[in-house]
């Protein structure tokens, strides 16, 4: 069963395009991009998620992230 988001694909794609544009504009390497995005995730979780929910949110994110990685060319 597909997961239905409360956010439109258009909104998600627009924000993603803006983030990618900033990284591209600054000629950011893959490792720096991952570091910046990872630090952003950490900041969002630590500043906007109640302490008692942080580990569960992080675990769910890691699971979804891992499942979304294309391991075949």
N, C-alpha and C. Protein backbone atom coordinates (compact mmCIF):
# COMPACT_ATOMS: atom_id res chain seq x y z
N UNK A 1 0.84 -1.17 0.00
CA UNK A 1 0.00 0.00 0.00
C UNK A 1 0.89 1.24 0.00
N UNK A 2 0.67 2.17 -0.93
CA UNK A 2 1.52 3.36 -0.98
C UNK A 2 1.27 4.27 0.22
N UNK A 3 2.31 4.97 0.60
CA UNK A 3 2.21 5.94 1.68
C UNK A 3 1.66 7.23 1.10
N UNK A 4 0.63 7.78 1.73
CA UNK A 4 0.03 9.03 1.26
C UNK A 4 0.53 10.15 2.15
N UNK A 5 1.12 11.16 1.52
CA UNK A 5 1.69 12.28 2.26
C UNK A 5 0.66 13.39 2.43
N UNK A 6 0.79 14.12 3.51
CA UNK A 6 -0.08 15.28 3.68
C UNK A 6 0.43 16.48 2.89
N UNK A 7 1.59 16.32 2.25
CA UNK A 7 2.19 17.37 1.44
C UNK A 7 2.10 16.99 -0.03
N UNK A 8 1.85 17.97 -0.87
CA UNK A 8 1.75 17.69 -2.30
C UNK A 8 3.14 17.41 -2.88
N UNK A 9 3.17 16.60 -3.92
CA UNK A 9 4.42 16.33 -4.61
C UNK A 9 5.03 17.63 -5.13
N UNK A 10 4.18 18.54 -5.58
CA UNK A 10 4.66 19.82 -6.10
C UNK A 10 5.39 20.61 -5.03
N UNK A 11 4.82 20.68 -3.83
CA UNK A 11 5.47 21.41 -2.74
C UNK A 11 6.81 20.77 -2.39
N UNK A 12 6.83 19.45 -2.29
CA UNK A 12 8.06 18.74 -1.97
C UNK A 12 9.11 18.99 -3.04
N UNK A 13 8.73 18.85 -4.30
CA UNK A 13 9.67 19.05 -5.41
C UNK A 13 10.19 20.48 -5.46
N UNK A 14 9.34 21.46 -5.19
CA UNK A 14 9.78 22.86 -5.20
C UNK A 14 10.83 23.13 -4.13
N UNK A 15 10.59 22.62 -2.94
CA UNK A 15 11.56 22.80 -1.84
C UNK A 15 12.86 22.07 -2.16
N UNK A 16 12.74 20.84 -2.66
CA UNK A 16 13.93 20.08 -3.03
C UNK A 16 14.73 20.81 -4.10
N UNK A 17 14.06 21.36 -5.09
CA UNK A 17 14.74 22.11 -6.14
C UNK A 17 15.52 23.30 -5.56
N UNK A 18 14.90 24.00 -4.60
CA UNK A 18 15.57 25.15 -3.98
C UNK A 18 16.80 24.71 -3.19
N UNK A 19 16.68 23.64 -2.44
CA UNK A 19 17.83 23.13 -1.66
C UNK A 19 18.95 22.72 -2.59
N UNK A 20 18.61 21.97 -3.64
CA UNK A 20 19.62 21.51 -4.59
C UNK A 20 20.27 22.69 -5.32
N UNK A 21 19.49 23.72 -5.59
CA UNK A 21 20.04 24.93 -6.24
C UNK A 21 21.09 25.59 -5.35
N UNK A 22 20.83 25.67 -4.06
CA UNK A 22 21.80 26.26 -3.12
C UNK A 22 23.08 25.43 -3.10
N UNK A 23 22.95 24.12 -3.04
CA UNK A 23 24.13 23.26 -3.04
C UNK A 23 24.91 23.41 -4.34
N UNK A 24 24.20 23.43 -5.45
CA UNK A 24 24.85 23.57 -6.75
C UNK A 24 25.53 24.94 -6.89
N UNK A 25 24.82 25.98 -6.46
CA UNK A 25 25.35 27.35 -6.55
C UNK A 25 26.66 27.48 -5.78
N UNK A 26 26.76 26.75 -4.68
CA UNK A 26 27.96 26.82 -3.84
C UNK A 26 28.99 25.76 -4.20
N UNK A 27 28.74 25.04 -5.29
CA UNK A 27 29.67 24.03 -5.79
C UNK A 27 30.09 23.07 -4.66
N UNK A 28 29.07 22.55 -3.97
CA UNK A 28 29.30 21.71 -2.80
C UNK A 28 29.56 20.27 -3.23
N UNK A 29 30.58 19.65 -2.65
CA UNK A 29 30.91 18.25 -2.94
C UNK A 29 29.87 17.33 -2.32
N UNK A 30 29.91 16.07 -2.73
CA UNK A 30 28.98 15.07 -2.19
C UNK A 30 29.13 14.95 -0.68
N UNK A 31 30.37 14.84 -0.18
CA UNK A 31 30.54 14.65 1.26
C UNK A 31 30.09 15.87 2.05
N UNK A 32 30.36 17.08 1.55
CA UNK A 32 29.89 18.28 2.25
C UNK A 32 28.37 18.39 2.18
N UNK A 33 27.79 18.04 1.03
CA UNK A 33 26.33 18.05 0.91
C UNK A 33 25.69 17.15 1.96
N UNK A 34 26.22 15.92 2.09
CA UNK A 34 25.68 14.98 3.06
C UNK A 34 25.87 15.48 4.49
N UNK A 35 27.00 16.11 4.76
CA UNK A 35 27.26 16.65 6.09
C UNK A 35 26.27 17.77 6.42
N UNK A 36 26.06 18.68 5.47
CA UNK A 36 25.14 19.81 5.68
C UNK A 36 23.71 19.30 5.86
N UNK A 37 23.29 18.38 5.00
CA UNK A 37 21.93 17.86 5.11
C UNK A 37 21.75 17.06 6.39
N UNK A 38 22.75 16.27 6.76
CA UNK A 38 22.68 15.51 8.01
C UNK A 38 22.61 16.42 9.22
N UNK A 39 23.42 17.47 9.22
CA UNK A 39 23.38 18.43 10.33
C UNK A 39 22.04 19.14 10.38
N UNK A 40 21.44 19.40 9.22
CA UNK A 40 20.12 20.02 9.17
C UNK A 40 19.08 19.11 9.80
N UNK A 41 19.15 17.82 9.48
CA UNK A 41 18.21 16.85 10.07
C UNK A 41 18.37 16.79 11.58
N UNK A 42 19.61 16.74 12.03
CA UNK A 42 19.88 16.71 13.47
C UNK A 42 19.31 17.94 14.15
N UNK A 43 19.54 19.10 13.55
CA UNK A 43 19.03 20.36 14.13
C UNK A 43 17.49 20.34 14.20
N UNK A 44 16.84 19.91 13.11
CA UNK A 44 15.37 19.87 13.09
C UNK A 44 14.84 18.94 14.18
N UNK A 45 15.41 17.75 14.26
CA UNK A 45 14.94 16.79 15.27
C UNK A 45 15.19 17.31 16.68
N UNK A 46 16.39 17.82 16.94
CA UNK A 46 16.72 18.29 18.29
C UNK A 46 15.97 19.54 18.70
N UNK A 47 15.57 20.37 17.75
CA UNK A 47 14.91 21.63 18.11
C UNK A 47 13.39 21.60 17.96
N UNK A 48 12.85 20.61 17.22
CA UNK A 48 11.41 20.65 16.96
C UNK A 48 10.65 19.38 17.36
N UNK A 49 11.36 18.37 17.81
CA UNK A 49 10.71 17.12 18.21
C UNK A 49 10.91 16.95 19.72
N UNK A 50 9.84 16.62 20.43
CA UNK A 50 9.98 16.40 21.87
C UNK A 50 11.04 15.33 22.16
N UNK A 51 11.78 15.54 23.22
CA UNK A 51 12.89 14.66 23.58
C UNK A 51 12.50 13.18 23.57
N UNK A 52 11.36 12.86 24.14
CA UNK A 52 10.97 11.46 24.25
C UNK A 52 10.61 10.82 22.90
N UNK A 53 10.47 11.61 21.84
CA UNK A 53 10.12 11.08 20.52
C UNK A 53 11.30 11.08 19.55
N UNK A 54 12.39 11.69 19.92
CA UNK A 54 13.51 11.88 18.98
C UNK A 54 14.08 10.57 18.45
N UNK A 55 14.35 9.61 19.31
CA UNK A 55 14.95 8.35 18.86
C UNK A 55 14.01 7.63 17.90
N UNK A 56 12.74 7.59 18.22
CA UNK A 56 11.77 6.90 17.35
C UNK A 56 11.68 7.59 15.99
N UNK A 57 11.66 8.91 15.99
CA UNK A 57 11.61 9.67 14.72
C UNK A 57 12.87 9.40 13.91
N UNK A 58 14.02 9.45 14.56
CA UNK A 58 15.29 9.20 13.86
C UNK A 58 15.32 7.78 13.30
N UNK A 59 14.87 6.81 14.07
CA UNK A 59 14.85 5.42 13.61
C UNK A 59 13.93 5.25 12.40
N UNK A 60 12.76 5.87 12.44
CA UNK A 60 11.83 5.80 11.31
C UNK A 60 12.44 6.46 10.08
N UNK A 61 13.11 7.59 10.28
CA UNK A 61 13.74 8.27 9.16
C UNK A 61 14.82 7.40 8.54
N UNK A 62 15.67 6.82 9.36
CA UNK A 62 16.76 5.96 8.86
C UNK A 62 16.18 4.79 8.07
N UNK A 63 15.12 4.19 8.56
CA UNK A 63 14.50 3.06 7.88
C UNK A 63 13.95 3.51 6.51
N UNK A 64 13.24 4.63 6.48
CA UNK A 64 12.67 5.13 5.22
C UNK A 64 13.78 5.55 4.26
N UNK A 65 14.81 6.19 4.79
CA UNK A 65 15.94 6.63 3.97
C UNK A 65 16.64 5.43 3.34
N UNK A 66 16.92 4.42 4.15
CA UNK A 66 17.59 3.22 3.65
C UNK A 66 16.77 2.53 2.57
N UNK A 67 15.46 2.49 2.75
CA UNK A 67 14.58 1.85 1.78
C UNK A 67 14.51 2.63 0.46
N UNK A 68 14.80 3.92 0.52
CA UNK A 68 14.69 4.76 -0.69
C UNK A 68 15.95 4.78 -1.54
N UNK A 69 17.05 4.23 -1.03
CA UNK A 69 18.31 4.23 -1.76
C UNK A 69 18.27 3.18 -2.86
N UNK A 70 18.58 3.62 -4.08
CA UNK A 70 18.62 2.72 -5.22
C UNK A 70 19.96 1.99 -5.21
N UNK A 71 19.92 0.67 -5.05
CA UNK A 71 21.15 -0.11 -4.98
C UNK A 71 21.46 -0.82 -6.29
N UNK A 72 20.65 -0.57 -7.30
CA UNK A 72 20.88 -1.18 -8.62
C UNK A 72 20.97 -0.09 -9.67
N UNK A 73 21.86 -0.29 -10.62
CA UNK A 73 21.98 0.68 -11.71
C UNK A 73 21.00 0.40 -12.81
